[in-house]
mmCIF file of all heavy atoms, coordinates in Angstrom:
data_MODEL
# 
_entry.id   MODEL 
# 
loop_
_atom_site.group_PDB 
_atom_site.id 
_atom_site.type_symbol 
_atom_site.label_atom_id 
_atom_site.label_alt_id 
_atom_site.label_comp_id 
_atom_site.label_asym_id 
_atom_site.label_entity_id 
_atom_site.label_seq_id 
_atom_site.pdbx_PDB_ins_code 
_atom_site.Cartn_x 
_atom_site.Cartn_y 
_atom_site.Cartn_z 
_atom_site.occupancy 
_atom_site.B_iso_or_equiv 
_atom_site.pdbx_formal_charge 
_atom_site.auth_seq_id 
_atom_site.auth_comp_id 
_atom_site.auth_asym_id 
_atom_site.auth_atom_id 
_atom_site.pdbx_PDB_model_num 
ATOM 1   N N   . SER A 1 1  ? 11.933 7.589  -7.987  1.00 0.00 ? 1  SER A N   1 
ATOM 2   C CA  . SER A 1 1  ? 12.450 6.259  -7.602  1.00 0.00 ? 1  SER A CA  1 
ATOM 3   C C   . SER A 1 1  ? 11.986 5.883  -6.201  1.00 0.00 ? 1  SER A C   1 
ATOM 4   O O   . SER A 1 1  ? 11.575 4.742  -5.955  1.00 0.00 ? 1  SER A O   1 
ATOM 5   C CB  . SER A 1 1  ? 13.992 6.254  -7.660  1.00 0.00 ? 1  SER A CB  1 
ATOM 6   O OG  . SER A 1 1  ? 14.439 6.436  -8.973  1.00 0.00 ? 1  SER A OG  1 
ATOM 7   N N   . PHE A 1 2  ? 12.068 6.826  -5.253  1.00 0.00 ? 2  PHE A N   1 
ATOM 8   C CA  . PHE A 1 2  ? 11.638 6.538  -3.901  1.00 0.00 ? 2  PHE A CA  1 
ATOM 9   C C   . PHE A 1 2  ? 10.133 6.266  -3.844  1.00 0.00 ? 2  PHE A C   1 
ATOM 10  O O   . PHE A 1 2  ? 9.668  5.362  -3.130  1.00 0.00 ? 2  PHE A O   1 
ATOM 11  C CB  . PHE A 1 2  ? 12.006 7.688  -2.958  1.00 0.00 ? 2  PHE A CB  1 
ATOM 12  C CG  . PHE A 1 2  ? 13.466 7.790  -2.661  1.00 0.00 ? 2  PHE A CG  1 
ATOM 13  C CD1 . PHE A 1 2  ? 14.035 9.026  -2.331  1.00 0.00 ? 2  PHE A CD1 1 
ATOM 14  C CD2 . PHE A 1 2  ? 14.301 6.675  -2.685  1.00 0.00 ? 2  PHE A CD2 1 
ATOM 15  C CE1 . PHE A 1 2  ? 15.383 9.130  -2.037  1.00 0.00 ? 2  PHE A CE1 1 
ATOM 16  C CE2 . PHE A 1 2  ? 15.649 6.766  -2.395  1.00 0.00 ? 2  PHE A CE2 1 
ATOM 17  C CZ  . PHE A 1 2  ? 16.204 8.005  -2.079  1.00 0.00 ? 2  PHE A CZ  1 
ATOM 18  N N   . LEU A 1 3  ? 9.353  7.068  -4.578  1.00 0.00 ? 3  LEU A N   1 
ATOM 19  C CA  . LEU A 1 3  ? 7.900  6.875  -4.574  1.00 0.00 ? 3  LEU A CA  1 
ATOM 20  C C   . LEU A 1 3  ? 7.526  5.515  -5.189  1.00 0.00 ? 3  LEU A C   1 
ATOM 21  O O   . LEU A 1 3  ? 6.599  4.856  -4.704  1.00 0.00 ? 3  LEU A O   1 
ATOM 22  C CB  . LEU A 1 3  ? 7.214  8.007  -5.359  1.00 0.00 ? 3  LEU A CB  1 
ATOM 23  C CG  . LEU A 1 3  ? 7.223  9.375  -4.666  1.00 0.00 ? 3  LEU A CG  1 
ATOM 24  C CD1 . LEU A 1 3  ? 6.718  10.466 -5.614  1.00 0.00 ? 3  LEU A CD1 1 
ATOM 25  C CD2 . LEU A 1 3  ? 6.396  9.364  -3.396  1.00 0.00 ? 3  LEU A CD2 1 
ATOM 26  N N   . LYS A 1 4  ? 8.261  5.113  -6.206  1.00 0.00 ? 4  LYS A N   1 
ATOM 27  C CA  . LYS A 1 4  ? 7.991  3.802  -6.829  1.00 0.00 ? 4  LYS A CA  1 
ATOM 28  C C   . LYS A 1 4  ? 8.315  2.682  -5.833  1.00 0.00 ? 4  LYS A C   1 
ATOM 29  O O   . LYS A 1 4  ? 7.551  1.702  -5.724  1.00 0.00 ? 4  LYS A O   1 
ATOM 30  C CB  . LYS A 1 4  ? 8.836  3.655  -8.094  1.00 0.00 ? 4  LYS A CB  1 
ATOM 31  C CG  . LYS A 1 4  ? 8.566  2.381  -8.878  1.00 0.00 ? 4  LYS A CG  1 
ATOM 32  C CD  . LYS A 1 4  ? 7.146  2.333  -9.414  1.00 0.00 ? 4  LYS A CD  1 
ATOM 33  C CE  . LYS A 1 4  ? 6.906  1.115  -10.263 1.00 0.00 ? 4  LYS A CE  1 
ATOM 34  N NZ  . LYS A 1 4  ? 5.494  1.033  -10.739 1.00 0.00 ? 4  LYS A NZ  1 
ATOM 35  N N   . ALA A 1 5  ? 9.427  2.834  -5.122  1.00 0.00 ? 5  ALA A N   1 
ATOM 36  C CA  . ALA A 1 5  ? 9.788  1.816  -4.128  1.00 0.00 ? 5  ALA A CA  1 
ATOM 37  C C   . ALA A 1 5  ? 8.731  1.725  -3.036  1.00 0.00 ? 5  ALA A C   1 
ATOM 38  O O   . ALA A 1 5  ? 8.354  0.630  -2.595  1.00 0.00 ? 5  ALA A O   1 
ATOM 39  C CB  . ALA A 1 5  ? 11.167 2.149  -3.537  1.00 0.00 ? 5  ALA A CB  1 
ATOM 40  N N   . ALA A 1 6  ? 8.243  2.885  -2.592  1.00 0.00 ? 6  ALA A N   1 
ATOM 41  C CA  . ALA A 1 6  ? 7.197  2.909  -1.549  1.00 0.00 ? 6  ALA A CA  1 
ATOM 42  C C   . ALA A 1 6  ? 5.924  2.265  -2.047  1.00 0.00 ? 6  ALA A C   1 
ATOM 43  O O   . ALA A 1 6  ? 5.228  1.564  -1.307  1.00 0.00 ? 6  ALA A O   1 
ATOM 44  C CB  . ALA A 1 6  ? 6.948  4.352  -1.109  1.00 0.00 ? 6  ALA A CB  1 
ATOM 45  N N   . GLU A 1 7  ? 5.593  2.510  -3.313  1.00 0.00 ? 7  GLU A N   1 
ATOM 46  C CA  . GLU A 1 7  ? 4.386  1.917  -3.902  1.00 0.00 ? 7  GLU A CA  1 
ATOM 47  C C   . GLU A 1 7  ? 4.506  0.393  -4.007  1.00 0.00 ? 7  GLU A C   1 
ATOM 48  O O   . GLU A 1 7  ? 3.554  -0.338 -3.738  1.00 0.00 ? 7  GLU A O   1 
ATOM 49  C CB  . GLU A 1 7  ? 4.171  2.511  -5.296  1.00 0.00 ? 7  GLU A CB  1 
ATOM 50  C CG  . GLU A 1 7  ? 3.025  1.923  -6.082  1.00 0.00 ? 7  GLU A CG  1 
ATOM 51  C CD  . GLU A 1 7  ? 3.041  2.358  -7.550  1.00 0.00 ? 7  GLU A CD  1 
ATOM 52  O OE1 . GLU A 1 7  ? 3.512  3.474  -7.840  1.00 0.00 ? 7  GLU A OE1 1 
ATOM 53  O OE2 . GLU A 1 7  ? 2.585  1.566  -8.396  1.00 0.00 ? 7  GLU A OE2 1 
ATOM 54  N N   . LEU A 1 8  ? 5.696  -0.066 -4.383  1.00 0.00 ? 8  LEU A N   1 
ATOM 55  C CA  . LEU A 1 8  ? 5.900  -1.497 -4.569  1.00 0.00 ? 8  LEU A CA  1 
ATOM 56  C C   . LEU A 1 8  ? 5.938  -2.279 -3.269  1.00 0.00 ? 8  LEU A C   1 
ATOM 57  O O   . LEU A 1 8  ? 5.520  -3.431 -3.215  1.00 0.00 ? 8  LEU A O   1 
ATOM 58  C CB  . LEU A 1 8  ? 7.214  -1.740 -5.347  1.00 0.00 ? 8  LEU A CB  1 
ATOM 59  C CG  . LEU A 1 8  ? 7.204  -1.358 -6.833  1.00 0.00 ? 8  LEU A CG  1 
ATOM 60  C CD1 . LEU A 1 8  ? 8.612  -1.369 -7.400  1.00 0.00 ? 8  LEU A CD1 1 
ATOM 61  C CD2 . LEU A 1 8  ? 6.317  -2.328 -7.613  1.00 0.00 ? 8  LEU A CD2 1 
ATOM 62  N N   . ASP A 1 9  ? 6.477  -1.632 -2.234  1.00 0.00 ? 9  ASP A N   1 
ATOM 63  C CA  . ASP A 1 9  ? 6.628  -2.349 -0.947  1.00 0.00 ? 9  ASP A CA  1 
ATOM 64  C C   . ASP A 1 9  ? 6.104  -1.482 0.192   1.00 0.00 ? 9  ASP A C   1 
ATOM 65  O O   . ASP A 1 9  ? 6.786  -0.573 0.650   1.00 0.00 ? 9  ASP A O   1 
ATOM 66  C CB  . ASP A 1 9  ? 8.091  -2.696 -0.706  1.00 0.00 ? 9  ASP A CB  1 
ATOM 67  C CG  . ASP A 1 9  ? 8.297  -3.543 0.537   1.00 0.00 ? 9  ASP A CG  1 
ATOM 68  O OD1 . ASP A 1 9  ? 7.326  -3.746 1.286   1.00 0.00 ? 9  ASP A OD1 1 
ATOM 69  O OD2 . ASP A 1 9  ? 9.428  -4.014 0.741   1.00 0.00 ? 9  ASP A OD2 1 
ATOM 70  N N   . PRO A 1 10 ? 4.886  -1.733 0.648   1.00 0.00 ? 10 PRO A N   1 
ATOM 71  C CA  . PRO A 1 10 ? 4.296  -0.919 1.728   1.00 0.00 ? 10 PRO A CA  1 
ATOM 72  C C   . PRO A 1 10 ? 5.026  -1.087 3.066   1.00 0.00 ? 10 PRO A C   1 
ATOM 73  O O   . PRO A 1 10 ? 4.731  -0.342 4.006   1.00 0.00 ? 10 PRO A O   1 
ATOM 74  C CB  . PRO A 1 10 ? 2.851  -1.427 1.814   1.00 0.00 ? 10 PRO A CB  1 
ATOM 75  C CG  . PRO A 1 10 ? 2.898  -2.779 1.212   1.00 0.00 ? 10 PRO A CG  1 
ATOM 76  C CD  . PRO A 1 10 ? 3.963  -2.759 0.168   1.00 0.00 ? 10 PRO A CD  1 
ATOM 77  N N   . ASP A 1 11 ? 5.934  -2.049 3.151   1.00 0.00 ? 11 ASP A N   1 
ATOM 78  C CA  . ASP A 1 11 ? 6.649  -2.287 4.395   1.00 0.00 ? 11 ASP A CA  1 
ATOM 79  C C   . ASP A 1 11 ? 8.125  -1.852 4.333   1.00 0.00 ? 11 ASP A C   1 
ATOM 80  O O   . ASP A 1 11 ? 8.908  -2.170 5.233   1.00 0.00 ? 11 ASP A O   1 
ATOM 81  C CB  . ASP A 1 11 ? 6.595  -3.772 4.760   1.00 0.00 ? 11 ASP A CB  1 
ATOM 82  C CG  . ASP A 1 11 ? 5.197  -4.248 5.037   1.00 0.00 ? 11 ASP A CG  1 
ATOM 83  O OD1 . ASP A 1 11 ? 4.381  -3.450 5.500   1.00 0.00 ? 11 ASP A OD1 1 
ATOM 84  O OD2 . ASP A 1 11 ? 4.905  -5.432 4.749   1.00 0.00 ? 11 ASP A OD2 1 
ATOM 85  N N   . HIS A 1 12 ? 8.514  -1.133 3.281   1.00 0.00 ? 12 HIS A N   1 
ATOM 86  C CA  . HIS A 1 12 ? 9.905  -0.751 3.085   1.00 0.00 ? 12 HIS A CA  1 
ATOM 87  C C   . HIS A 1 12 ? 10.229 0.465  3.949   1.00 0.00 ? 12 HIS A C   1 
ATOM 88  O O   . HIS A 1 12 ? 9.944  1.599  3.595   1.00 0.00 ? 12 HIS A O   1 
ATOM 89  C CB  . HIS A 1 12 ? 10.174 -0.462 1.614   1.00 0.00 ? 12 HIS A CB  1 
ATOM 90  C CG  . HIS A 1 12 ? 11.627 -0.596 1.210   1.00 0.00 ? 12 HIS A CG  1 
ATOM 91  N ND1 . HIS A 1 12 ? 12.585 0.293  1.634   1.00 0.00 ? 12 HIS A ND1 1 
ATOM 92  C CD2 . HIS A 1 12 ? 12.256 -1.506 0.430   1.00 0.00 ? 12 HIS A CD2 1 
ATOM 93  C CE1 . HIS A 1 12 ? 13.755 -0.069 1.132   1.00 0.00 ? 12 HIS A CE1 1 
ATOM 94  N NE2 . HIS A 1 12 ? 13.582 -1.153 0.393   1.00 0.00 ? 12 HIS A NE2 1 
ATOM 95  N N   . VAL A 1 13 ? 10.842 0.217  5.097   1.00 0.00 ? 13 VAL A N   1 
ATOM 96  C CA  . VAL A 1 13 ? 11.130 1.261  6.068   1.00 0.00 ? 13 VAL A CA  1 
ATOM 97  C C   . VAL A 1 13 ? 12.122 2.281  5.524   1.00 0.00 ? 13 VAL A C   1 
ATOM 98  O O   . VAL A 1 13 ? 11.930 3.502  5.652   1.00 0.00 ? 13 VAL A O   1 
ATOM 99  C CB  . VAL A 1 13 ? 11.657 0.643  7.381   1.00 0.00 ? 13 VAL A CB  1 
ATOM 100 C CG1 . VAL A 1 13 ? 12.221 1.730  8.307   1.00 0.00 ? 13 VAL A CG1 1 
ATOM 101 C CG2 . VAL A 1 13 ? 10.551 -0.126 8.101   1.00 0.00 ? 13 VAL A CG2 1 
ATOM 102 N N   . ASP A 1 14 ? 13.213 1.812  4.921   1.00 0.00 ? 14 ASP A N   1 
ATOM 103 C CA  . ASP A 1 14 ? 14.277 2.728  4.459   1.00 0.00 ? 14 ASP A CA  1 
ATOM 104 C C   . ASP A 1 14 ? 13.770 3.703  3.417   1.00 0.00 ? 14 ASP A C   1 
ATOM 105 O O   . ASP A 1 14 ? 14.153 4.882  3.404   1.00 0.00 ? 14 ASP A O   1 
ATOM 106 C CB  . ASP A 1 14 ? 15.457 1.943  3.884   1.00 0.00 ? 14 ASP A CB  1 
ATOM 107 C CG  . ASP A 1 14 ? 16.250 1.214  4.952   1.00 0.00 ? 14 ASP A CG  1 
ATOM 108 O OD1 . ASP A 1 14 ? 16.148 1.610  6.136   1.00 0.00 ? 14 ASP A OD1 1 
ATOM 109 O OD2 . ASP A 1 14 ? 16.958 0.256  4.626   1.00 0.00 ? 14 ASP A OD2 1 
ATOM 110 N N   . THR A 1 15 ? 12.878 3.251  2.549   1.00 0.00 ? 15 THR A N   1 
ATOM 111 C CA  . THR A 1 15 ? 12.306 4.139  1.531   1.00 0.00 ? 15 THR A CA  1 
ATOM 112 C C   . THR A 1 15 ? 11.506 5.258  2.160   1.00 0.00 ? 15 THR A C   1 
ATOM 113 O O   . THR A 1 15 ? 11.604 6.426  1.755   1.00 0.00 ? 15 THR A O   1 
ATOM 114 C CB  . THR A 1 15 ? 11.395 3.345  0.558   1.00 0.00 ? 15 THR A CB  1 
ATOM 115 O OG1 . THR A 1 15 ? 12.249 2.474  -0.215  1.00 0.00 ? 15 THR A OG1 1 
ATOM 116 C CG2 . THR A 1 15 ? 10.669 4.277  -0.365  1.00 0.00 ? 15 THR A CG2 1 
ATOM 117 N N   . ARG A 1 16 ? 10.744 4.914  3.184   1.00 0.00 ? 16 ARG A N   1 
ATOM 118 C CA  . ARG A 1 16 ? 9.928  5.939  3.840   1.00 0.00 ? 16 ARG A CA  1 
ATOM 119 C C   . ARG A 1 16 ? 10.784 6.948  4.610   1.00 0.00 ? 16 ARG A C   1 
ATOM 120 O O   . ARG A 1 16 ? 10.498 8.137  4.623   1.00 0.00 ? 16 ARG A O   1 
ATOM 121 C CB  . ARG A 1 16 ? 8.890  5.270  4.746   1.00 0.00 ? 16 ARG A CB  1 
ATOM 122 C CG  . ARG A 1 16 ? 7.729  4.752  3.925   1.00 0.00 ? 16 ARG A CG  1 
ATOM 123 C CD  . ARG A 1 16 ? 6.930  3.615  4.484   1.00 0.00 ? 16 ARG A CD  1 
ATOM 124 N NE  . ARG A 1 16 ? 5.860  3.285  3.533   1.00 0.00 ? 16 ARG A NE  1 
ATOM 125 C CZ  . ARG A 1 16 ? 6.070  2.538  2.430   1.00 0.00 ? 16 ARG A CZ  1 
ATOM 126 N NH1 . ARG A 1 16 ? 7.268  2.020  2.198   1.00 0.00 ? 16 ARG A NH1 1 
ATOM 127 N NH2 . ARG A 1 16 ? 5.072  2.290  1.585   1.00 0.00 ? 16 ARG A NH2 1 
ATOM 128 N N   . TRP A 1 17 ? 11.874 6.458  5.177   1.00 0.00 ? 17 TRP A N   1 
ATOM 129 C CA  . TRP A 1 17 ? 12.829 7.389  5.810   1.00 0.00 ? 17 TRP A CA  1 
ATOM 130 C C   . TRP A 1 17 ? 13.403 8.338  4.734   1.00 0.00 ? 17 TRP A C   1 
ATOM 131 O O   . TRP A 1 17 ? 13.559 9.530  4.958   1.00 0.00 ? 17 TRP A O   1 
ATOM 132 C CB  . TRP A 1 17 ? 13.948 6.614  6.481   1.00 0.00 ? 17 TRP A CB  1 
ATOM 133 C CG  . TRP A 1 17 ? 13.801 6.508  7.968   1.00 0.00 ? 17 TRP A CG  1 
ATOM 134 C CD1 . TRP A 1 17 ? 13.578 5.398  8.703   1.00 0.00 ? 17 TRP A CD1 1 
ATOM 135 C CD2 . TRP A 1 17 ? 13.875 7.578  8.913   1.00 0.00 ? 17 TRP A CD2 1 
ATOM 136 N NE1 . TRP A 1 17 ? 13.491 5.693  10.045  1.00 0.00 ? 17 TRP A NE1 1 
ATOM 137 C CE2 . TRP A 1 17 ? 13.685 7.028  10.209  1.00 0.00 ? 17 TRP A CE2 1 
ATOM 138 C CE3 . TRP A 1 17 ? 14.064 8.959  8.796   1.00 0.00 ? 17 TRP A CE3 1 
ATOM 139 C CZ2 . TRP A 1 17 ? 13.676 7.802  11.365  1.00 0.00 ? 17 TRP A CZ2 1 
ATOM 140 C CZ3 . TRP A 1 17 ? 14.067 9.729  9.956   1.00 0.00 ? 17 TRP A CZ3 1 
ATOM 141 C CH2 . TRP A 1 17 ? 13.880 9.142  11.216  1.00 0.00 ? 17 TRP A CH2 1 
ATOM 142 N N   . ALA A 1 18 ? 13.737 7.759  3.578   1.00 0.00 ? 18 ALA A N   1 
ATOM 143 C CA  . ALA A 1 18 ? 14.311 8.575  2.515   1.00 0.00 ? 18 ALA A CA  1 
ATOM 144 C C   . ALA A 1 18 ? 13.336 9.651  2.057   1.00 0.00 ? 18 ALA A C   1 
ATOM 145 O O   . ALA A 1 18 ? 13.727 10.796 1.808   1.00 0.00 ? 18 ALA A O   1 
ATOM 146 C CB  . ALA A 1 18 ? 14.704 7.683  1.340   1.00 0.00 ? 18 ALA A CB  1 
ATOM 147 N N   . LEU A 1 19 ? 12.062 9.293  1.965   1.00 0.00 ? 19 LEU A N   1 
ATOM 148 C CA  . LEU A 1 19 ? 11.048 10.267 1.553   1.00 0.00 ? 19 LEU A CA  1 
ATOM 149 C C   . LEU A 1 19 ? 10.832 11.342 2.614   1.00 0.00 ? 19 LEU A C   1 
ATOM 150 O O   . LEU A 1 19 ? 10.634 12.526 2.296   1.00 0.00 ? 19 LEU A O   1 
ATOM 151 C CB  . LEU A 1 19 ? 9.735  9.551  1.231   1.00 0.00 ? 19 LEU A CB  1 
ATOM 152 C CG  . LEU A 1 19 ? 9.724  8.812  -0.107  1.00 0.00 ? 19 LEU A CG  1 
ATOM 153 C CD1 . LEU A 1 19 ? 8.570  7.815  -0.185  1.00 0.00 ? 19 LEU A CD1 1 
ATOM 154 C CD2 . LEU A 1 19 ? 9.624  9.802  -1.259  1.00 0.00 ? 19 LEU A CD2 1 
ATOM 155 N N   . VAL A 1 20 ? 10.874 10.958 3.882   1.00 0.00 ? 20 VAL A N   1 
ATOM 156 C CA  . VAL A 1 20 ? 10.780 11.953 4.965   1.00 0.00 ? 20 VAL A CA  1 
ATOM 157 C C   . VAL A 1 20 ? 11.912 12.966 4.838   1.00 0.00 ? 20 VAL A C   1 
ATOM 158 O O   . VAL A 1 20 ? 11.676 14.184 4.831   1.00 0.00 ? 20 VAL A O   1 
ATOM 159 C CB  . VAL A 1 20 ? 10.836 11.267 6.360   1.00 0.00 ? 20 VAL A CB  1 
ATOM 160 C CG1 . VAL A 1 20 ? 11.031 12.308 7.455   1.00 0.00 ? 20 VAL A CG1 1 
ATOM 161 C CG2 . VAL A 1 20 ? 9.550  10.488 6.612   1.00 0.00 ? 20 VAL A CG2 1 
ATOM 162 N N   . GLU A 1 21 ? 13.128 12.469 4.686   1.00 0.00 ? 21 GLU A N   1 
ATOM 163 C CA  . GLU A 1 21 ? 14.284 13.358 4.608   1.00 0.00 ? 21 GLU A CA  1 
ATOM 164 C C   . GLU A 1 21 ? 14.236 14.202 3.347   1.00 0.00 ? 21 GLU A C   1 
ATOM 165 O O   . GLU A 1 21 ? 14.611 15.383 3.363   1.00 0.00 ? 21 GLU A O   1 
ATOM 166 C CB  . GLU A 1 21 ? 15.572 12.533 4.668   1.00 0.00 ? 21 GLU A CB  1 
ATOM 167 C CG  . GLU A 1 21 ? 15.797 11.856 6.021   1.00 0.00 ? 21 GLU A CG  1 
ATOM 168 C CD  . GLU A 1 21 ? 17.073 11.039 6.083   1.00 0.00 ? 21 GLU A CD  1 
ATOM 169 O OE1 . GLU A 1 21 ? 17.775 10.971 5.054   1.00 0.00 ? 21 GLU A OE1 1 
ATOM 170 O OE2 . GLU A 1 21 ? 17.345 10.453 7.143   1.00 0.00 ? 21 GLU A OE2 1 
ATOM 171 N N   . LEU A 1 22 ? 13.797 13.632 2.248   1.00 0.00 ? 22 LEU A N   1 
ATOM 172 C CA  . LEU A 1 22 ? 13.729 14.360 0.979   1.00 0.00 ? 22 LEU A CA  1 
ATOM 173 C C   . LEU A 1 22 ? 12.717 15.489 1.063   1.00 0.00 ? 22 LEU A C   1 
ATOM 174 O O   . LEU A 1 22 ? 13.034 16.646 0.725   1.00 0.00 ? 22 LEU A O   1 
ATOM 175 C CB  . LEU A 1 22 ? 13.345 13.400 -0.158  1.00 0.00 ? 22 LEU A CB  1 
ATOM 176 C CG  . LEU A 1 22 ? 13.321 14.004 -1.566  1.00 0.00 ? 22 LEU A CG  1 
ATOM 177 C CD1 . LEU A 1 22 ? 14.736 14.371 -2.006  1.00 0.00 ? 22 LEU A CD1 1 
ATOM 178 C CD2 . LEU A 1 22 ? 12.702 13.035 -2.555  1.00 0.00 ? 22 LEU A CD2 1 
ATOM 179 N N   . TYR A 1 23 ? 11.509 15.212 1.511   1.00 0.00 ? 23 TYR A N   1 
ATOM 180 C CA  . TYR A 1 23 ? 10.478 16.258 1.577   1.00 0.00 ? 23 TYR A CA  1 
ATOM 181 C C   . TYR A 1 23 ? 10.792 17.332 2.599   1.00 0.00 ? 23 TYR A C   1 
ATOM 182 O O   . TYR A 1 23 ? 10.421 18.489 2.439   1.00 0.00 ? 23 TYR A O   1 
ATOM 183 C CB  . TYR A 1 23 ? 9.112  15.631 1.866   1.00 0.00 ? 23 TYR A CB  1 
ATOM 184 C CG  . TYR A 1 23 ? 8.456  15.004 0.647   1.00 0.00 ? 23 TYR A CG  1 
ATOM 185 C CD1 . TYR A 1 23 ? 8.160  13.640 0.627   1.00 0.00 ? 23 TYR A CD1 1 
ATOM 186 C CD2 . TYR A 1 23 ? 8.150  15.764 -0.472  1.00 0.00 ? 23 TYR A CD2 1 
ATOM 187 C CE1 . TYR A 1 23 ? 7.575  13.061 -0.492  1.00 0.00 ? 23 TYR A CE1 1 
ATOM 188 C CE2 . TYR A 1 23 ? 7.575  15.194 -1.586  1.00 0.00 ? 23 TYR A CE2 1 
ATOM 189 C CZ  . TYR A 1 23 ? 7.284  13.846 -1.611  1.00 0.00 ? 23 TYR A CZ  1 
ATOM 190 O OH  . TYR A 1 23 ? 6.711  13.277 -2.707  1.00 0.00 ? 23 TYR A OH  1 
ATOM 191 N N   . VAL A 1 24 ? 11.518 16.955 3.641   1.00 0.00 ? 24 VAL A N   1 
ATOM 192 C CA  . VAL A 1 24 ? 11.897 17.956 4.653   1.00 0.00 ? 24 VAL A CA  1 
ATOM 193 C C   . VAL A 1 24 ? 12.990 18.873 4.132   1.00 0.00 ? 24 VAL A C   1 
ATOM 194 O O   . VAL A 1 24 ? 12.977 20.081 4.356   1.00 0.00 ? 24 VAL A O   1 
ATOM 195 C CB  . VAL A 1 24 ? 12.369 17.247 5.948   1.00 0.00 ? 24 VAL A CB  1 
ATOM 196 C CG1 . VAL A 1 24 ? 13.185 18.183 6.819   1.00 0.00 ? 24 VAL A CG1 1 
ATOM 197 C CG2 . VAL A 1 24 ? 11.182 16.747 6.758   1.00 0.00 ? 24 VAL A CG2 1 
ATOM 198 N N   . SER A 1 25 ? 13.963 18.321 3.429   1.00 0.00 ? 25 SER A N   1 
ATOM 199 C CA  . SER A 1 25 ? 15.163 19.098 3.040   1.00 0.00 ? 25 SER A CA  1 
ATOM 200 C C   . SER A 1 25 ? 14.957 19.925 1.782   1.00 0.00 ? 25 SER A C   1 
ATOM 201 O O   . SER A 1 25 ? 15.645 20.939 1.593   1.00 0.00 ? 25 SER A O   1 
ATOM 202 C CB  . SER A 1 25 ? 16.350 18.155 2.861   1.00 0.00 ? 25 SER A CB  1 
ATOM 203 O OG  . SER A 1 25 ? 16.081 17.188 1.851   1.00 0.00 ? 25 SER A OG  1 
ATOM 204 N N   . LEU A 1 26 ? 14.009 19.534 0.907   1.00 0.00 ? 26 LEU A N   1 
ATOM 205 C CA  . LEU A 1 26 ? 13.817 20.287 -0.326  1.00 0.00 ? 26 LEU A CA  1 
ATOM 206 C C   . LEU A 1 26 ? 13.054 21.590 -0.069  1.00 0.00 ? 26 LEU A C   1 
ATOM 207 O O   . LEU A 1 26 ? 12.120 21.627 0.720   1.00 0.00 ? 26 LEU A O   1 
ATOM 208 C CB  . LEU A 1 26 ? 13.010 19.460 -1.330  1.00 0.00 ? 26 LEU A CB  1 
ATOM 209 C CG  . LEU A 1 26 ? 13.720 18.325 -2.060  1.00 0.00 ? 26 LEU A CG  1 
ATOM 210 C CD1 . LEU A 1 26 ? 12.700 17.602 -2.959  1.00 0.00 ? 26 LEU A CD1 1 
ATOM 211 C CD2 . LEU A 1 26 ? 14.875 18.827 -2.883  1.00 0.00 ? 26 LEU A CD2 1 
ATOM 212 N N   . PRO A 1 27 ? 13.460 22.665 -0.735  1.00 0.00 ? 27 PRO A N   1 
ATOM 213 C CA  . PRO A 1 27 ? 12.640 23.894 -0.673  1.00 0.00 ? 27 PRO A CA  1 
ATOM 214 C C   . PRO A 1 27 ? 11.266 23.649 -1.287  1.00 0.00 ? 27 PRO A C   1 
ATOM 215 O O   . PRO A 1 27 ? 11.128 22.806 -2.199  1.00 0.00 ? 27 PRO A O   1 
ATOM 216 C CB  . PRO A 1 27 ? 13.452 24.886 -1.524  1.00 0.00 ? 27 PRO A CB  1 
ATOM 217 C CG  . PRO A 1 27 ? 14.826 24.316 -1.638  1.00 0.00 ? 27 PRO A CG  1 
ATOM 218 C CD  . PRO A 1 27 ? 14.656 22.832 -1.561  1.00 0.00 ? 27 PRO A CD  1 
ATOM 219 N N   . GLY A 1 28 ? 10.276 24.371 -0.827  1.00 0.00 ? 28 GLY A N   1 
ATOM 220 C CA  . GLY A 1 28 ? 8.932  24.194 -1.322  1.00 0.00 ? 28 GLY A CA  1 
ATOM 221 C C   . GLY A 1 28 ? 8.812  24.392 -2.813  1.00 0.00 ? 28 GLY A C   1 
ATOM 222 O O   . GLY A 1 28 ? 8.013  23.706 -3.477  1.00 0.00 ? 28 GLY A O   1 
ATOM 223 N N   . ILE A 1 29 ? 9.613  25.257 -3.370  1.00 0.00 ? 29 ILE A N   1 
ATOM 224 C CA  . ILE A 1 29 ? 9.537  25.573 -4.807  1.00 0.00 ? 29 ILE A CA  1 
ATOM 225 C C   . ILE A 1 29 ? 9.891  24.390 -5.688  1.00 0.00 ? 29 ILE A C   1 
ATOM 226 O O   . ILE A 1 29 ? 9.493  24.307 -6.852  1.00 0.00 ? 29 ILE A O   1 
ATOM 227 C CB  . ILE A 1 29 ? 10.435 26.809 -5.125  1.00 0.00 ? 29 ILE A CB  1 
ATOM 228 C CG1 . ILE A 1 29 ? 10.040 27.383 -6.490  1.00 0.00 ? 29 ILE A CG1 1 
ATOM 229 C CG2 . ILE A 1 29 ? 11.894 26.441 -5.075  1.00 0.00 ? 29 ILE A CG2 1 
ATOM 230 C CD1 . ILE A 1 29 ? 10.687 28.721 -6.790  1.00 0.00 ? 29 ILE A CD1 1 
ATOM 231 N N   . VAL A 1 30 ? 10.671 23.432 -5.143  1.00 0.00 ? 30 VAL A N   1 
ATOM 232 C CA  . VAL A 1 30 ? 11.031 22.242 -5.924  1.00 0.00 ? 30 VAL A CA  1 
ATOM 233 C C   . VAL A 1 30 ? 10.435 20.978 -5.338  1.00 0.00 ? 30 VAL A C   1 
ATOM 234 O O   . VAL A 1 30 ? 10.936 19.875 -5.555  1.00 0.00 ? 30 VAL A O   1 
ATOM 235 C CB  . VAL A 1 30 ? 12.553 22.111 -6.079  1.00 0.00 ? 30 VAL A CB  1 
ATOM 236 C CG1 . VAL A 1 30 ? 13.102 23.182 -7.006  1.00 0.00 ? 30 VAL A CG1 1 
ATOM 237 C CG2 . VAL A 1 30 ? 13.261 22.123 -4.733  1.00 0.00 ? 30 VAL A CG2 1 
# 
């Protein structure tokens, strides 16, 4: 969902913040 939002709107700041937090917090295995 976040990746789709980022693809649809290259200026969507909140989505990019969400992706930063998601990729940082998830273990590498997932």
